[in-house]
Protein backbone atom coordinates (compact mmCIF):
# COMPACT_ATOMS: atom_id res chain seq x y z
CA MET A 1 15.67 28.96 14.56
CA ARG A 2 16.95 32.10 16.30
CA ILE A 3 18.75 29.77 18.90
CA VAL A 4 20.27 27.44 16.01
CA ALA A 5 21.57 30.65 13.88
CA MET A 6 23.11 32.10 17.14
CA VAL A 7 24.87 28.74 17.87
CA VAL A 8 26.17 28.48 14.26
CA LEU A 9 27.44 31.88 14.22
CA ALA A 10 29.12 31.53 17.55
CA LEU A 11 30.76 28.06 16.18
CA VAL A 12 32.02 29.91 12.94
CA SER A 13 33.29 32.46 15.01
CA ALA A 14 35.29 30.12 17.52
CA CYS A 15 36.81 28.39 14.30
CA GLY A 16 37.68 31.69 12.71
CA SER A 17 39.40 32.97 15.85
CA HIS A 18 41.20 29.45 16.16
CA ARG A 19 42.42 29.78 12.55
CA LEU A 20 43.57 33.44 12.74
CA ALA A 21 45.52 32.41 15.87
CA HIS A 22 47.54 29.92 13.99
CA GLU A 23 47.61 32.21 10.95
CA SER A 24 49.14 35.04 12.99
CA SER A 25 52.59 34.49 13.79
CA PRO A 26 54.94 36.85 13.11
CA PRO A 27 57.58 36.79 10.42
CA LEU A 28 61.08 36.57 11.41
CA ALA A 29 61.97 39.72 9.36
CA ASN A 30 60.80 43.09 10.61
CA THR A 31 59.39 42.36 13.74
CA GLN A 32 60.77 43.25 17.18
CA TRP A 33 61.79 40.49 19.12
CA ARG A 34 62.20 40.58 22.83
CA LEU A 35 64.43 38.56 25.33
CA ASP A 36 62.51 36.27 27.16
CA ARG A 37 64.94 33.75 28.24
CA LEU A 38 68.58 32.69 27.62
CA GLY A 39 68.83 29.23 27.67
CA ASP A 40 66.61 28.09 30.67
CA THR A 41 67.06 31.29 32.35
CA PRO A 42 64.07 33.61 32.45
CA ILE A 43 65.04 37.59 31.64
CA HIS A 44 64.12 40.07 33.97
CA VAL A 45 64.76 43.66 33.03
CA ALA A 46 65.11 46.43 35.45
CA ASP A 47 63.22 49.24 35.85
CA GLY A 48 64.14 52.08 33.68
CA GLN A 49 66.41 49.68 31.75
CA HIS A 50 65.71 48.78 27.77
CA ALA A 51 64.53 45.14 27.24
CA PRO A 52 67.37 43.27 25.44
CA HIS A 53 65.75 43.19 21.77
CA LEU A 54 66.62 42.27 18.21
CA VAL A 55 65.28 42.99 14.61
CA PHE A 56 65.80 41.17 11.67
CA VAL A 57 65.72 43.63 8.71
CA PRO A 58 65.86 41.70 5.60
CA ASP A 59 67.16 44.73 3.30
CA GLY A 60 70.62 43.87 3.56
CA HIS A 61 70.56 41.22 6.00
CA ARG A 62 70.72 43.41 8.81
CA VAL A 63 70.17 42.55 12.48
CA GLN A 64 69.90 45.68 14.99
CA GLY A 65 68.65 45.76 18.58
CA SER A 66 69.82 46.20 22.18
CA GLY A 67 71.36 44.00 24.69
CA GLY A 68 69.47 46.12 27.25
CA CYS A 69 72.28 48.61 27.71
CA ASN A 70 74.15 48.82 24.29
CA ARG A 71 72.83 48.90 20.93
CA ILE A 72 73.75 46.19 18.63
CA THR A 73 73.99 45.95 14.72
CA GLY A 74 75.29 43.53 12.52
CA THR A 75 74.56 40.86 9.61
CA TYR A 76 72.68 37.49 9.59
CA ARG A 77 72.43 34.76 7.01
CA GLU A 78 69.06 32.90 6.88
CA ASP A 79 68.23 29.71 4.71
CA GLY A 80 64.93 27.79 5.63
CA SER A 81 65.29 27.33 9.48
CA ALA A 82 69.31 27.45 9.17
CA ILE A 83 70.29 30.87 10.64
CA THR A 84 73.96 32.51 11.45
CA ILE A 85 74.18 35.91 13.11
CA GLY A 86 77.19 37.97 12.71
CA PRO A 87 79.64 39.28 13.16
CA LEU A 88 78.03 41.82 15.54
CA ALA A 89 78.82 45.23 16.84
CA SER A 90 77.46 47.14 19.76
CA THR A 91 78.17 50.33 21.53
CA ARG A 92 80.59 50.42 24.83
CA MET A 93 78.48 51.93 27.45
CA ALA A 94 78.39 50.78 31.23
CA CYS A 95 74.76 50.41 32.85
CA VAL A 96 74.19 49.76 36.43
CA GLN A 97 72.24 46.66 35.75
CA GLY A 98 72.10 44.27 33.00
CA MET A 99 75.69 43.86 31.82
CA GLU A 100 75.75 40.21 32.42
CA THR A 101 72.57 39.43 30.74
CA GLU A 102 73.88 41.74 27.82
CA SER A 103 77.15 39.96 27.51
CA GLN A 104 75.42 36.33 27.79
CA PHE A 105 73.27 37.35 24.98
CA LEU A 106 75.66 38.56 22.82
CA LEU A 107 77.89 35.50 23.31
CA GLY A 108 74.93 33.25 22.69
CA LEU A 109 74.01 34.97 19.46
CA ASP A 110 77.13 33.91 18.25
CA ARG A 111 76.23 30.24 18.80
CA VAL A 112 72.95 30.16 17.06
CA ARG A 113 72.53 28.07 14.25
CA LYS A 114 69.03 27.37 13.73
CA TRP A 115 65.68 29.35 14.19
CA SER A 116 61.79 28.26 14.50
CA ILE A 117 58.55 30.42 15.47
CA THR A 118 55.75 28.92 17.42
CA GLY A 119 52.69 31.75 18.06
CA GLN A 120 54.83 34.61 19.10
CA ARG A 121 57.81 32.93 20.31
CA LEU A 122 61.10 32.91 18.32
CA THR A 123 63.58 29.92 19.51
CA LEU A 124 67.03 30.33 18.74
CA SER A 125 68.92 27.10 19.03
CA ASP A 126 72.50 26.17 18.67
CA ASP A 127 73.75 23.33 16.16
CA THR A 128 73.00 20.34 18.65
CA GLY A 129 69.54 21.84 18.81
CA ARG A 130 70.03 23.23 22.43
CA VAL A 131 67.91 26.47 22.90
CA VAL A 132 70.16 29.44 23.12
CA ALA A 133 67.56 32.15 23.34
CA MET A 134 63.68 32.74 23.58
CA LEU A 135 62.35 35.89 22.16
CA GLU A 136 58.67 37.38 22.23
CA ALA A 137 57.20 39.30 19.16
CA VAL A 138 56.64 42.85 20.59
CA ALA A 139 55.83 44.44 17.26
CA THR A 140 55.87 44.35 13.68
CA ARG A 141 57.40 46.87 11.77
């Protein structure tokens, strides 16, 4: 009887953790999203450089973050799975590394029209469904 109880407990624990994994996708808003890919290109952050990231702040529909070198701020509009980002403003510092990634990230954000979250990954796509950027959840505020 003790063995059966342990097996049942193990099954309940396994099912519960599986359910929580599905329910634990973070929300779009108030989550720090770190850039993982631009289109098909993986992003590598150099030592000492900030990771490009975004945070969608629902109060005022603000978006803020970093391109890796410069701070980004602006607005977004979201309606279901549709989203537009911008206009955006950024500081204008020059960095030794990462400027090309930052430039491509900012240009890509202007083309974003759709979003979806699967697990810990945010996918931003253009109006044809082509992936513009993939971001990973880092922290929820």
